[in-house]
Amino acid sequence: MVDIVEESWKIQHRIENRAKNFGKGKYGRVLKMARKPENEEYVKVLQIVSIGLFLMGGLGFLVYWLWSVLPTYF
């Protein structure tokens, strides 16, 4: 019977080894270039994403409304 503590330590070591090499692989360059956005940049991105969400929601509602209203006329 396998000891659960030993198995959990093996899993823990595997996870730590993967995390240790994460910054050295193909994602390393992206992580080195990443930075925290400034407030102005964050607000601008938030505004653009909000507008996009409202447009997509409005378009979805319009399609739903047309599908529910148009069949009554035909």
Protein backbone atom coordinates (compact mmCIF):
# COMPACT_ATOMS: atom_id res chain seq x y z
CA MET A 1 0.00 0.00 0.00
CA VAL A 2 1.37 3.41 -1.00
CA ASP A 3 1.80 6.00 1.73
CA ILE A 4 -0.35 9.04 1.01
CA VAL A 5 2.23 11.43 2.47
CA GLU A 6 4.95 10.17 0.13
CA GLU A 7 2.64 10.45 -2.88
CA SER A 8 1.66 13.99 -1.95
CA TRP A 9 5.34 14.96 -1.63
CA LYS A 10 6.05 13.50 -5.09
CA ILE A 11 3.19 15.51 -6.57
CA GLN A 12 4.37 18.65 -4.74
CA HIS A 13 7.91 18.25 -6.12
CA ARG A 14 6.61 17.74 -9.67
CA ILE A 15 4.54 20.92 -9.44
CA GLU A 16 7.48 22.91 -8.02
CA ASN A 17 9.80 21.70 -10.79
CA ARG A 18 7.32 22.71 -13.48
CA ALA A 19 6.85 26.14 -11.90
CA LYS A 20 10.62 26.61 -11.60
CA ASN A 21 11.13 26.10 -15.34
CA PHE A 22 8.07 28.08 -16.43
CA GLY A 23 9.91 31.38 -16.91
CA LYS A 24 12.67 29.79 -18.98
CA GLY A 25 10.57 28.22 -21.71
CA LYS A 26 8.59 29.71 -24.54
CA TYR A 27 6.64 31.96 -22.16
CA GLY A 28 9.73 33.44 -20.52
CA ARG A 29 10.11 36.34 -22.93
CA VAL A 30 6.47 37.31 -22.57
CA LEU A 31 6.70 37.21 -18.78
CA LYS A 32 9.84 39.37 -18.80
CA MET A 33 8.16 41.98 -21.01
CA ALA A 34 4.94 42.04 -19.01
CA ARG A 35 4.32 45.02 -16.77
CA LYS A 36 1.55 46.42 -14.64
CA PRO A 37 -0.62 48.84 -16.64
CA GLU A 38 -0.84 52.45 -15.54
CA ASN A 39 -4.18 53.84 -14.39
CA GLU A 40 -4.84 55.71 -17.64
CA GLU A 41 -4.17 52.62 -19.74
CA TYR A 42 -6.32 50.46 -17.45
CA VAL A 43 -9.27 52.87 -17.65
CA LYS A 44 -9.03 53.08 -21.44
CA VAL A 45 -8.98 49.28 -21.82
CA LEU A 46 -11.89 49.00 -19.39
CA GLN A 47 -13.92 51.50 -21.42
CA ILE A 48 -13.23 49.73 -24.72
CA VAL A 49 -14.09 46.31 -23.28
CA SER A 50 -17.29 47.69 -21.71
CA ILE A 51 -18.41 49.21 -25.01
CA GLY A 52 -17.72 45.91 -26.76
CA LEU A 53 -19.71 43.96 -24.16
CA PHE A 54 -22.68 46.31 -24.45
CA LEU A 55 -22.59 46.13 -28.25
CA MET A 56 -22.44 42.34 -28.26
CA GLY A 57 -25.21 42.14 -25.66
CA GLY A 58 -27.36 44.57 -27.64
CA LEU A 59 -26.78 42.61 -30.83
CA GLY A 60 -27.70 39.36 -29.07
CA PHE A 61 -30.86 40.91 -27.66
CA LEU A 62 -31.79 42.31 -31.09
CA VAL A 63 -31.41 38.87 -32.69
CA TYR A 64 -33.43 37.29 -29.87
CA TRP A 65 -36.15 39.94 -30.23
CA LEU A 66 -36.31 39.54 -34.01
CA TRP A 67 -36.60 35.75 -33.70
CA SER A 68 -39.46 36.12 -31.22
CA VAL A 69 -41.36 38.92 -33.00
CA LEU A 70 -40.97 38.13 -36.71
CA PRO A 71 -42.65 34.67 -36.63
CA THR A 72 -45.88 36.31 -35.44
CA TYR A 73 -46.08 38.29 -38.70
CA PHE A 74 -45.55 35.30 -40.99
